[in-house]
Amino acid sequence: MLVVGQIGKPHGVRGEVSVSVRTDEPEERFVAGSVFTTEVPRDRRVSAGPAAAVPGVPYQVPSSLVVESVRWHQGRGIVQFEGVHDRSVAEALRGVLLQVESSSLKPPDDPDEFHDHQLVGLSVVGLDGGALGTVARIDHAPASDLIVLDRSGGGTALIPFVSQFVPTVDVAGGRIVVDLPEGLLDL
């Protein structure tokens, strides 16, 4: 599964929520009728609380959500999901991850562009071929994407996913070659 968004705070009183988008094609992915598999993160700070779609029955986050409508505001989607029509139920969805099956994604047109799931698990090696570890995940930071490296000797490290530090990505070969400045992995 591939995470394409995360539900944020409610927007208004009629059940709309803001969605932080994690896809390069938000206008294609977030349209009326789109179906997302949900995942409630273990570290979610907001609990479902007393929200109830039916009075007296605690609200449970459904296994999937269907987009009823979307509008865009300041880079975020304002989304209305089917069956979510009040603020308390929308609040119960805060923090929920929206996912799609990765096999349903078309490959990127740009040869220098990759889906996160294509990179996770690849080995990371230095210019000399020495193994540094494997890709645990890709974090999307404001300045640049970051490779989260599970280091061969234990622990993790962050590598800016920019051509200066990552000259070669060989998905078919199962490896990423990096050219790192001295000490970067020790930060």
N, C-alpha and C. Protein backbone atom coordinates (compact mmCIF):
# COMPACT_ATOMS: atom_id res chain seq x y z
N MET A 1 0.84 -1.18 0.00
CA MET A 1 0.00 0.00 0.00
C MET A 1 0.89 1.25 0.00
N LEU A 2 0.39 2.28 -0.65
CA LEU A 2 1.13 3.52 -0.78
C LEU A 2 0.30 4.65 -0.17
N VAL A 3 0.90 5.40 0.76
CA VAL A 3 0.20 6.52 1.39
C VAL A 3 0.18 7.70 0.42
N VAL A 4 -1.02 8.22 0.13
CA VAL A 4 -1.15 9.36 -0.78
C VAL A 4 -1.67 10.61 -0.08
N GLY A 5 -2.03 10.48 1.20
CA GLY A 5 -2.52 11.64 1.93
C GLY A 5 -2.74 11.31 3.39
N GLN A 6 -2.91 12.37 4.18
CA GLN A 6 -3.23 12.21 5.59
C GLN A 6 -4.29 13.24 5.96
N ILE A 7 -5.30 12.77 6.65
CA ILE A 7 -6.41 13.65 7.05
C ILE A 7 -5.94 14.56 8.17
N GLY A 8 -6.24 15.85 8.01
CA GLY A 8 -5.91 16.84 9.02
C GLY A 8 -7.15 17.24 9.80
N LYS A 9 -7.20 18.50 10.15
CA LYS A 9 -8.29 18.98 11.00
C LYS A 9 -9.57 19.18 10.19
N PRO A 10 -10.71 19.18 10.90
CA PRO A 10 -11.98 19.46 10.22
C PRO A 10 -11.98 20.87 9.65
N HIS A 11 -12.76 21.05 8.60
CA HIS A 11 -12.91 22.35 7.96
C HIS A 11 -14.40 22.67 7.95
N GLY A 12 -14.82 23.53 8.85
CA GLY A 12 -16.24 23.85 8.94
C GLY A 12 -16.98 22.85 9.81
N VAL A 13 -18.32 22.89 9.73
CA VAL A 13 -19.15 22.05 10.60
C VAL A 13 -19.88 20.93 9.88
N ARG A 14 -19.68 20.81 8.57
CA ARG A 14 -20.44 19.82 7.80
C ARG A 14 -19.64 18.57 7.44
N GLY A 15 -18.51 18.33 8.12
CA GLY A 15 -17.77 17.09 7.92
C GLY A 15 -16.61 17.16 6.95
N GLU A 16 -16.36 18.32 6.35
CA GLU A 16 -15.20 18.42 5.47
C GLU A 16 -13.92 18.37 6.32
N VAL A 17 -12.86 17.82 5.71
CA VAL A 17 -11.56 17.76 6.39
C VAL A 17 -10.48 18.27 5.45
N SER A 18 -9.41 18.80 6.04
CA SER A 18 -8.25 19.15 5.21
C SER A 18 -7.44 17.87 5.03
N VAL A 19 -6.82 17.73 3.87
CA VAL A 19 -5.99 16.56 3.59
C VAL A 19 -4.63 17.03 3.13
N SER A 20 -3.61 16.58 3.83
CA SER A 20 -2.23 16.84 3.43
C SER A 20 -1.88 15.80 2.36
N VAL A 21 -1.61 16.27 1.16
CA VAL A 21 -1.42 15.40 0.01
C VAL A 21 0.02 14.93 -0.09
N ARG A 22 0.20 13.63 -0.36
CA ARG A 22 1.54 13.04 -0.51
C ARG A 22 1.65 12.34 -1.87
N THR A 23 1.22 13.01 -2.90
CA THR A 23 1.31 12.45 -4.24
C THR A 23 1.62 13.56 -5.22
N ASP A 24 2.28 13.22 -6.31
CA ASP A 24 2.62 14.23 -7.31
C ASP A 24 1.45 14.55 -8.23
N GLU A 25 0.42 13.72 -8.21
CA GLU A 25 -0.75 13.94 -9.07
C GLU A 25 -2.02 14.09 -8.24
N PRO A 26 -2.10 15.11 -7.38
CA PRO A 26 -3.27 15.22 -6.51
C PRO A 26 -4.58 15.40 -7.27
N GLU A 27 -4.55 16.12 -8.40
CA GLU A 27 -5.78 16.37 -9.14
C GLU A 27 -6.31 15.09 -9.79
N GLU A 28 -5.44 14.11 -10.03
CA GLU A 28 -5.87 12.82 -10.58
C GLU A 28 -6.31 11.87 -9.47
N ARG A 29 -5.61 11.90 -8.35
CA ARG A 29 -5.85 10.96 -7.26
C ARG A 29 -7.07 11.36 -6.42
N PHE A 30 -7.21 12.67 -6.15
CA PHE A 30 -8.30 13.14 -5.28
C PHE A 30 -9.42 13.72 -6.13
N VAL A 31 -10.33 12.85 -6.53
CA VAL A 31 -11.51 13.24 -7.30
C VAL A 31 -12.72 12.53 -6.72
N ALA A 32 -13.90 13.06 -7.00
CA ALA A 32 -15.13 12.42 -6.52
C ALA A 32 -15.16 10.97 -6.99
N GLY A 33 -15.46 10.08 -6.07
CA GLY A 33 -15.54 8.66 -6.37
C GLY A 33 -14.26 7.89 -6.05
N SER A 34 -13.16 8.59 -5.77
CA SER A 34 -11.91 7.90 -5.41
C SER A 34 -12.10 7.15 -4.10
N VAL A 35 -11.55 5.95 -4.03
CA VAL A 35 -11.65 5.12 -2.83
C VAL A 35 -10.25 4.96 -2.24
N PHE A 36 -10.14 5.22 -0.95
CA PHE A 36 -8.87 5.09 -0.24
C PHE A 36 -9.01 4.08 0.88
N THR A 37 -8.01 3.23 1.04
CA THR A 37 -7.92 2.36 2.20
C THR A 37 -7.39 3.21 3.33
N THR A 38 -7.92 3.02 4.53
CA THR A 38 -7.48 3.84 5.67
C THR A 38 -6.55 3.06 6.58
N GLU A 39 -5.69 3.81 7.24
CA GLU A 39 -4.83 3.24 8.28
C GLU A 39 -4.75 4.25 9.40
N VAL A 40 -5.02 3.79 10.61
CA VAL A 40 -4.93 4.66 11.77
C VAL A 40 -3.52 4.49 12.34
N PRO A 41 -2.70 5.54 12.29
CA PRO A 41 -1.33 5.42 12.82
C PRO A 41 -1.35 5.12 14.32
N ARG A 42 -0.41 4.30 14.77
CA ARG A 42 -0.34 3.95 16.18
C ARG A 42 -0.08 5.17 17.06
N ASP A 43 0.65 6.15 16.52
CA ASP A 43 1.03 7.32 17.32
C ASP A 43 0.08 8.49 17.15
N ARG A 44 -1.13 8.23 16.62
CA ARG A 44 -2.08 9.31 16.39
C ARG A 44 -2.40 10.00 17.72
N ARG A 45 -2.32 11.32 17.73
CA ARG A 45 -2.51 12.09 18.96
C ARG A 45 -3.97 12.31 19.31
N VAL A 46 -4.83 12.34 18.30
CA VAL A 46 -6.25 12.61 18.55
C VAL A 46 -6.98 11.28 18.53
N SER A 47 -7.70 10.98 19.61
CA SER A 47 -8.45 9.72 19.64
C SER A 47 -9.82 9.93 19.03
N ALA A 48 -10.48 8.83 18.74
CA ALA A 48 -11.80 8.90 18.13
C ALA A 48 -12.79 9.62 19.03
N GLY A 49 -12.58 9.54 20.34
CA GLY A 49 -13.42 10.28 21.27
C GLY A 49 -14.89 9.90 21.20
N PRO A 50 -15.77 10.83 21.54
CA PRO A 50 -17.19 10.50 21.63
C PRO A 50 -17.96 10.64 20.32
N ALA A 51 -17.26 10.83 19.20
CA ALA A 51 -17.96 11.01 17.93
C ALA A 51 -18.84 9.80 17.64
N ALA A 52 -20.00 10.05 17.08
CA ALA A 52 -20.90 8.96 16.75
C ALA A 52 -21.69 9.31 15.50
N ALA A 53 -21.63 8.44 14.50
CA ALA A 53 -22.45 8.64 13.30
C ALA A 53 -23.89 8.29 13.63
N VAL A 54 -24.05 7.34 14.54
CA VAL A 54 -25.36 6.94 15.05
C VAL A 54 -25.33 7.22 16.54
N PRO A 55 -26.32 7.95 17.08
CA PRO A 55 -26.29 8.27 18.51
C PRO A 55 -26.14 7.02 19.37
N GLY A 56 -25.21 7.11 20.34
CA GLY A 56 -24.98 6.01 21.26
C GLY A 56 -24.02 4.94 20.77
N VAL A 57 -23.61 5.00 19.51
CA VAL A 57 -22.68 4.01 18.96
C VAL A 57 -21.36 4.72 18.66
N PRO A 58 -20.26 4.34 19.34
CA PRO A 58 -18.98 5.01 19.08
C PRO A 58 -18.56 4.86 17.63
N TYR A 59 -17.96 5.91 17.10
CA TYR A 59 -17.53 5.91 15.70
C TYR A 59 -16.25 5.10 15.54
N GLN A 60 -16.22 4.22 14.58
CA GLN A 60 -15.04 3.46 14.22
C GLN A 60 -14.57 3.93 12.85
N VAL A 61 -13.27 4.18 12.71
CA VAL A 61 -12.74 4.59 11.41
C VAL A 61 -12.97 3.43 10.44
N PRO A 62 -13.66 3.69 9.32
CA PRO A 62 -13.93 2.60 8.36
C PRO A 62 -12.65 2.15 7.66
N SER A 63 -12.68 0.95 7.09
CA SER A 63 -11.50 0.41 6.40
C SER A 63 -11.23 1.13 5.08
N SER A 64 -12.26 1.82 4.55
CA SER A 64 -12.06 2.62 3.35
C SER A 64 -12.96 3.84 3.39
N LEU A 65 -12.55 4.87 2.67
CA LEU A 65 -13.32 6.10 2.55
C LEU A 65 -13.47 6.44 1.07
N VAL A 66 -14.65 6.95 0.71
CA VAL A 66 -14.92 7.35 -0.67
C VAL A 66 -15.07 8.86 -0.72
N VAL A 67 -14.38 9.49 -1.65
CA VAL A 67 -14.44 10.94 -1.80
C VAL A 67 -15.78 11.33 -2.41
N GLU A 68 -16.46 12.24 -1.73
CA GLU A 68 -17.72 12.79 -2.25
C GLU A 68 -17.45 14.05 -3.07
N SER A 69 -16.58 14.91 -2.54
CA SER A 69 -16.21 16.14 -3.26
C SER A 69 -14.86 16.64 -2.76
N VAL A 70 -14.20 17.42 -3.61
CA VAL A 70 -12.88 17.98 -3.28
C VAL A 70 -12.81 19.40 -3.82
N ARG A 71 -12.18 20.27 -3.05
CA ARG A 71 -11.80 21.59 -3.53
C ARG A 71 -10.42 21.87 -2.95
N TRP A 72 -9.70 22.76 -3.60
CA TRP A 72 -8.32 23.01 -3.21
C TRP A 72 -8.19 24.38 -2.58
N HIS A 73 -7.42 24.45 -1.46
CA HIS A 73 -7.22 25.70 -0.75
C HIS A 73 -5.81 25.69 -0.16
N GLN A 74 -4.98 26.62 -0.61
CA GLN A 74 -3.61 26.81 -0.12
C GLN A 74 -2.81 25.51 -0.14
N GLY A 75 -2.89 24.76 -1.23
CA GLY A 75 -2.10 23.55 -1.40
C GLY A 75 -2.64 22.31 -0.72
N ARG A 76 -3.75 22.44 -0.05
CA ARG A 76 -4.35 21.28 0.62
C ARG A 76 -5.71 21.01 0.01
N GLY A 77 -6.07 19.75 0.05
CA GLY A 77 -7.41 19.38 -0.38
C GLY A 77 -8.38 19.57 0.77
N ILE A 78 -9.53 20.13 0.46
CA ILE A 78 -10.63 20.17 1.42
C ILE A 78 -11.61 19.12 0.91
N VAL A 79 -11.71 18.01 1.64
CA VAL A 79 -12.39 16.83 1.14
C VAL A 79 -13.63 16.51 1.98
N GLN A 80 -14.69 16.16 1.27
CA GLN A 80 -15.90 15.64 1.90
C GLN A 80 -15.95 14.16 1.56
N PHE A 81 -15.96 13.30 2.58
CA PHE A 81 -16.06 11.87 2.36
C PHE A 81 -17.51 11.43 2.54
N GLU A 82 -17.90 10.41 1.79
CA GLU A 82 -19.25 9.86 1.91
C GLU A 82 -19.47 9.40 3.35
N GLY A 83 -20.62 9.75 3.92
CA GLY A 83 -20.98 9.32 5.26
C GLY A 83 -20.40 10.16 6.38
N VAL A 84 -19.60 11.17 6.06
CA VAL A 84 -19.00 12.03 7.09
C VAL A 84 -19.63 13.41 6.91
N HIS A 85 -20.64 13.70 7.75
CA HIS A 85 -21.39 14.93 7.54
C HIS A 85 -21.52 15.81 8.78
N ASP A 86 -20.64 15.59 9.78
CA ASP A 86 -20.60 16.54 10.89
C ASP A 86 -19.18 16.63 11.43
N ARG A 87 -18.94 17.70 12.16
CA ARG A 87 -17.59 18.02 12.62
C ARG A 87 -17.03 16.97 13.58
N SER A 88 -17.85 16.39 14.44
CA SER A 88 -17.33 15.43 15.42
C SER A 88 -16.83 14.16 14.73
N VAL A 89 -17.51 13.69 13.71
CA VAL A 89 -17.04 12.52 12.97
C VAL A 89 -15.78 12.90 12.18
N ALA A 90 -15.76 14.09 11.59
CA ALA A 90 -14.56 14.56 10.87
C ALA A 90 -13.37 14.63 11.83
N GLU A 91 -13.59 15.08 13.03
CA GLU A 91 -12.52 15.15 14.04
C GLU A 91 -11.99 13.76 14.37
N ALA A 92 -12.85 12.76 14.37
CA ALA A 92 -12.44 11.39 14.67
C ALA A 92 -11.54 10.82 13.57
N LEU A 93 -11.55 11.43 12.39
CA LEU A 93 -10.71 10.96 11.28
C LEU A 93 -9.33 11.62 11.26
N ARG A 94 -9.11 12.61 12.13
CA ARG A 94 -7.85 13.35 12.12
C ARG A 94 -6.66 12.39 12.29
N GLY A 95 -5.67 12.54 11.41
CA GLY A 95 -4.46 11.73 11.48
C GLY A 95 -4.51 10.45 10.67
N VAL A 96 -5.68 10.08 10.18
CA VAL A 96 -5.81 8.83 9.42
C VAL A 96 -5.08 8.95 8.09
N LEU A 97 -4.34 7.91 7.74
CA LEU A 97 -3.60 7.86 6.48
C LEU A 97 -4.51 7.33 5.38
N LEU A 98 -4.41 7.92 4.19
CA LEU A 98 -5.17 7.49 3.02
C LEU A 98 -4.21 6.77 2.09
N GLN A 99 -4.57 5.53 1.70
CA GLN A 99 -3.67 4.70 0.92
C GLN A 99 -4.34 4.16 -0.33
N VAL A 100 -3.50 3.83 -1.31
CA VAL A 100 -3.96 3.14 -2.52
C VAL A 100 -3.04 1.94 -2.75
N GLU A 101 -3.52 0.98 -3.48
CA GLU A 101 -2.72 -0.19 -3.83
C GLU A 101 -1.61 0.26 -4.78
N SER A 102 -0.36 -0.03 -4.44
CA SER A 102 0.77 0.45 -5.25
C SER A 102 0.78 -0.18 -6.65
N SER A 103 0.20 -1.36 -6.80
CA SER A 103 0.19 -1.99 -8.12
C SER A 103 -0.74 -1.27 -9.10
N SER A 104 -1.64 -0.42 -8.57
CA SER A 104 -2.56 0.32 -9.43
C SER A 104 -1.95 1.59 -10.00
N LEU A 105 -0.73 1.92 -9.59
CA LEU A 105 -0.10 3.16 -10.03
C LEU A 105 0.65 2.95 -11.34
N LYS A 106 0.51 3.91 -12.23
CA LYS A 106 1.29 3.86 -13.46
C LYS A 106 2.70 4.36 -13.15
N PRO A 107 3.71 3.84 -13.84
CA PRO A 107 5.07 4.31 -13.59
C PRO A 107 5.22 5.78 -14.00
N PRO A 108 6.09 6.51 -13.31
CA PRO A 108 6.30 7.92 -13.67
C PRO A 108 6.85 8.05 -15.08
N ASP A 109 6.49 9.14 -15.76
CA ASP A 109 6.99 9.41 -17.11
C ASP A 109 8.46 9.81 -17.10
N ASP A 110 8.88 10.51 -16.06
CA ASP A 110 10.26 10.99 -15.95
C ASP A 110 11.15 9.85 -15.43
N PRO A 111 12.22 9.51 -16.14
CA PRO A 111 13.09 8.41 -15.68
C PRO A 111 13.82 8.72 -14.37
N ASP A 112 13.88 9.99 -13.98
CA ASP A 112 14.53 10.36 -12.72
C ASP A 112 13.52 10.54 -11.59
N GLU A 113 12.32 10.03 -11.77
CA GLU A 113 11.27 10.13 -10.76
C GLU A 113 10.88 8.73 -10.34
N PHE A 114 10.62 8.56 -9.04
CA PHE A 114 10.32 7.23 -8.51
C PHE A 114 9.18 7.31 -7.50
N HIS A 115 8.42 6.23 -7.40
CA HIS A 115 7.44 6.10 -6.33
C HIS A 115 8.20 5.60 -5.09
N ASP A 116 7.77 6.04 -3.92
CA ASP A 116 8.44 5.64 -2.68
C ASP A 116 8.57 4.13 -2.57
N HIS A 117 7.49 3.40 -2.91
CA HIS A 117 7.51 1.95 -2.72
C HIS A 117 8.55 1.27 -3.62
N GLN A 118 8.98 1.92 -4.70
CA GLN A 118 10.01 1.36 -5.56
C GLN A 118 11.38 1.41 -4.89
N LEU A 119 11.57 2.34 -3.96
CA LEU A 119 12.86 2.57 -3.34
C LEU A 119 13.04 1.84 -2.02
N VAL A 120 11.95 1.62 -1.30
CA VAL A 120 12.04 0.96 0.00
C VAL A 120 12.61 -0.45 -0.18
N GLY A 121 13.63 -0.75 0.61
CA GLY A 121 14.27 -2.06 0.55
C GLY A 121 15.51 -2.12 -0.33
N LEU A 122 15.73 -1.07 -1.17
CA LEU A 122 16.93 -1.08 -2.01
C LEU A 122 18.17 -0.94 -1.13
N SER A 123 19.27 -1.57 -1.55
CA SER A 123 20.52 -1.40 -0.80
C SER A 123 21.14 -0.06 -1.20
N VAL A 124 21.82 0.54 -0.25
CA VAL A 124 22.50 1.81 -0.46
C VAL A 124 23.99 1.55 -0.32
N VAL A 125 24.72 1.95 -1.36
CA VAL A 125 26.17 1.74 -1.38
C VAL A 125 26.87 3.05 -1.67
N GLY A 126 28.13 3.14 -1.22
CA GLY A 126 28.95 4.31 -1.53
C GLY A 126 29.54 4.19 -2.91
N LEU A 127 30.26 5.22 -3.36
CA LEU A 127 30.90 5.20 -4.68
C LEU A 127 31.88 4.04 -4.82
N ASP A 128 32.48 3.62 -3.69
CA ASP A 128 33.44 2.51 -3.71
C ASP A 128 32.74 1.15 -3.70
N GLY A 129 31.41 1.14 -3.65
CA GLY A 129 30.66 -0.12 -3.63
C GLY A 129 30.42 -0.68 -2.25
N GLY A 130 30.93 -0.02 -1.22
CA GLY A 130 30.74 -0.48 0.16
C GLY A 130 29.30 -0.31 0.61
N ALA A 131 28.74 -1.36 1.21
CA ALA A 131 27.35 -1.34 1.67
C ALA A 131 27.19 -0.41 2.87
N LEU A 132 26.18 0.46 2.80
CA LEU A 132 25.89 1.38 3.89
C LEU A 132 24.62 0.99 4.63
N GLY A 133 23.72 0.28 3.94
CA GLY A 133 22.45 -0.12 4.56
C GLY A 133 21.37 -0.27 3.51
N THR A 134 20.11 -0.17 3.96
CA THR A 134 18.96 -0.26 3.05
C THR A 134 18.00 0.90 3.29
N VAL A 135 17.21 1.18 2.28
CA VAL A 135 16.23 2.26 2.38
C VAL A 135 15.05 1.78 3.23
N ALA A 136 14.81 2.45 4.35
CA ALA A 136 13.68 2.11 5.22
C ALA A 136 12.41 2.78 4.71
N ARG A 137 12.54 4.05 4.33
CA ARG A 137 11.40 4.82 3.81
C ARG A 137 11.93 6.12 3.22
N ILE A 138 11.03 6.87 2.59
CA ILE A 138 11.35 8.19 2.08
C ILE A 138 10.51 9.19 2.87
N ASP A 139 11.16 10.16 3.48
CA ASP A 139 10.45 11.24 4.17
C ASP A 139 10.40 12.44 3.24
N HIS A 140 9.24 13.08 3.19
CA HIS A 140 9.06 14.23 2.30
C HIS A 140 9.12 15.51 3.13
N ALA A 141 10.31 16.13 3.16
CA ALA A 141 10.54 17.35 3.92
C ALA A 141 10.34 18.55 2.99
N PRO A 142 10.14 19.74 3.55
CA PRO A 142 9.92 20.93 2.71
C PRO A 142 11.08 21.24 1.76
N ALA A 143 12.33 21.09 2.22
CA ALA A 143 13.47 21.46 1.38
C ALA A 143 13.79 20.39 0.33
N SER A 144 13.74 19.13 0.72
CA SER A 144 14.00 18.02 -0.22
C SER A 144 13.50 16.73 0.42
N ASP A 145 13.34 15.72 -0.41
CA ASP A 145 13.00 14.41 0.11
C ASP A 145 14.23 13.86 0.81
N LEU A 146 14.00 12.98 1.79
CA LEU A 146 15.09 12.39 2.55
C LEU A 146 14.99 10.87 2.50
N ILE A 147 16.11 10.21 2.22
CA ILE A 147 16.17 8.76 2.31
C ILE A 147 16.44 8.43 3.78
N VAL A 148 15.56 7.63 4.37
CA VAL A 148 15.80 7.15 5.73
C VAL A 148 16.53 5.82 5.58
N LEU A 149 17.78 5.81 6.00
CA LEU A 149 18.67 4.67 5.80
C LEU A 149 18.73 3.83 7.06
N ASP A 150 18.41 2.53 6.93
CA ASP A 150 18.70 1.58 8.01
C ASP A 150 20.15 1.17 7.82
N ARG A 151 21.01 1.66 8.71
CA ARG A 151 22.46 1.44 8.56
C ARG A 151 22.84 0.00 8.82
N SER A 152 23.81 -0.48 8.07
CA SER A 152 24.29 -1.86 8.20
C SER A 152 24.77 -2.15 9.62
N GLY A 153 25.41 -1.18 10.25
CA GLY A 153 25.92 -1.37 11.61
C GLY A 153 24.92 -1.07 12.70
N GLY A 154 23.68 -0.80 12.34
CA GLY A 154 22.64 -0.45 13.31
C GLY A 154 22.35 1.03 13.30
N GLY A 155 21.15 1.38 13.67
CA GLY A 155 20.72 2.77 13.70
C GLY A 155 20.22 3.24 12.34
N THR A 156 19.84 4.51 12.29
CA THR A 156 19.34 5.09 11.06
C THR A 156 20.10 6.38 10.75
N ALA A 157 20.00 6.81 9.51
CA ALA A 157 20.60 8.08 9.08
C ALA A 157 19.72 8.66 7.99
N LEU A 158 19.81 9.97 7.80
CA LEU A 158 19.05 10.67 6.77
C LEU A 158 19.99 11.13 5.67
N ILE A 159 19.58 10.87 4.43
CA ILE A 159 20.36 11.31 3.27
C ILE A 159 19.47 12.18 2.40
N PRO A 160 19.84 13.44 2.17
CA PRO A 160 19.05 14.27 1.26
C PRO A 160 18.98 13.61 -0.12
N PHE A 161 17.77 13.46 -0.65
CA PHE A 161 17.57 12.79 -1.93
C PHE A 161 17.71 13.83 -3.04
N VAL A 162 18.95 14.28 -3.25
CA VAL A 162 19.28 15.25 -4.30
C VAL A 162 20.41 14.67 -5.14
N SER A 163 20.49 15.06 -6.40
CA SER A 163 21.46 14.46 -7.33
C SER A 163 22.91 14.63 -6.87
N GLN A 164 23.19 15.68 -6.11
CA GLN A 164 24.55 15.89 -5.60
C GLN A 164 24.99 14.73 -4.71
N PHE A 165 24.05 14.19 -3.90
CA PHE A 165 24.38 13.11 -2.97
C PHE A 165 23.96 11.74 -3.49
N VAL A 166 23.00 11.71 -4.41
CA VAL A 166 22.46 10.45 -4.93
C VAL A 166 22.59 10.45 -6.45
N PRO A 167 23.79 10.14 -6.97
CA PRO A 167 23.98 10.21 -8.42
C PRO A 167 23.32 9.07 -9.20
N THR A 168 23.10 7.91 -8.54
CA THR A 168 22.56 6.76 -9.27
C THR A 168 21.47 6.06 -8.48
N VAL A 169 20.33 5.86 -9.13
CA VAL A 169 19.25 5.05 -8.58
C VAL A 169 19.00 3.95 -9.60
N ASP A 170 19.29 2.72 -9.21
CA ASP A 170 19.14 1.57 -10.09
C ASP A 170 18.09 0.64 -9.49
N VAL A 171 16.82 0.93 -9.80
CA VAL A 171 15.71 0.15 -9.24
C VAL A 171 15.82 -1.30 -9.70
N ALA A 172 16.08 -1.52 -10.99
CA ALA A 172 16.19 -2.88 -11.54
C ALA A 172 17.33 -3.65 -10.88
N GLY A 173 18.43 -2.97 -10.60
CA GLY A 173 19.58 -3.59 -9.97
C GLY A 173 19.47 -3.68 -8.46
N GLY A 174 18.45 -3.03 -7.89
CA GLY A 174 18.21 -3.11 -6.45
C GLY A 174 19.15 -2.30 -5.59
N ARG A 175 19.67 -1.19 -6.14
CA ARG A 175 20.61 -0.41 -5.33
C ARG A 175 20.55 1.08 -5.65
N ILE A 176 21.01 1.84 -4.69
CA ILE A 176 21.18 3.29 -4.82
C ILE A 176 22.63 3.58 -4.49
N VAL A 177 23.31 4.32 -5.37
CA VAL A 177 24.70 4.71 -5.14
C VAL A 177 24.69 6.14 -4.62
N VAL A 178 25.42 6.36 -3.51
CA VAL A 178 25.47 7.69 -2.92
C VAL A 178 26.90 8.20 -2.85
N ASP A 179 27.05 9.52 -2.93
CA ASP A 179 28.34 10.21 -2.82
C ASP A 179 28.16 11.23 -1.70
N LEU A 180 28.53 10.83 -0.47
CA LEU A 180 28.22 11.63 0.71
C LEU A 180 29.44 12.37 1.24
N PRO A 181 29.22 13.58 1.75
CA PRO A 181 30.34 14.29 2.39
C PRO A 181 30.72 13.58 3.69
N GLU A 182 31.96 13.72 4.06
CA GLU A 182 32.47 13.12 5.30
C GLU A 182 31.59 13.49 6.48
N GLY A 183 31.17 12.50 7.26
CA GLY A 183 30.42 12.74 8.49
C GLY A 183 28.91 12.85 8.36
N LEU A 184 28.37 12.86 7.15
CA LEU A 184 26.91 13.03 6.99
C LEU A 184 26.14 11.92 7.71
N LEU A 185 26.62 10.70 7.63
CA LEU A 185 25.90 9.59 8.26
C LEU A 185 26.02 9.59 9.78
N ASP A 186 26.89 10.44 10.31
CA ASP A 186 27.08 10.50 11.76
C ASP A 186 26.19 11.55 12.42
N LEU A 187 25.45 12.30 11.63
CA LEU A 187 24.59 13.36 12.20
C LEU A 187 23.38 12.76 12.88
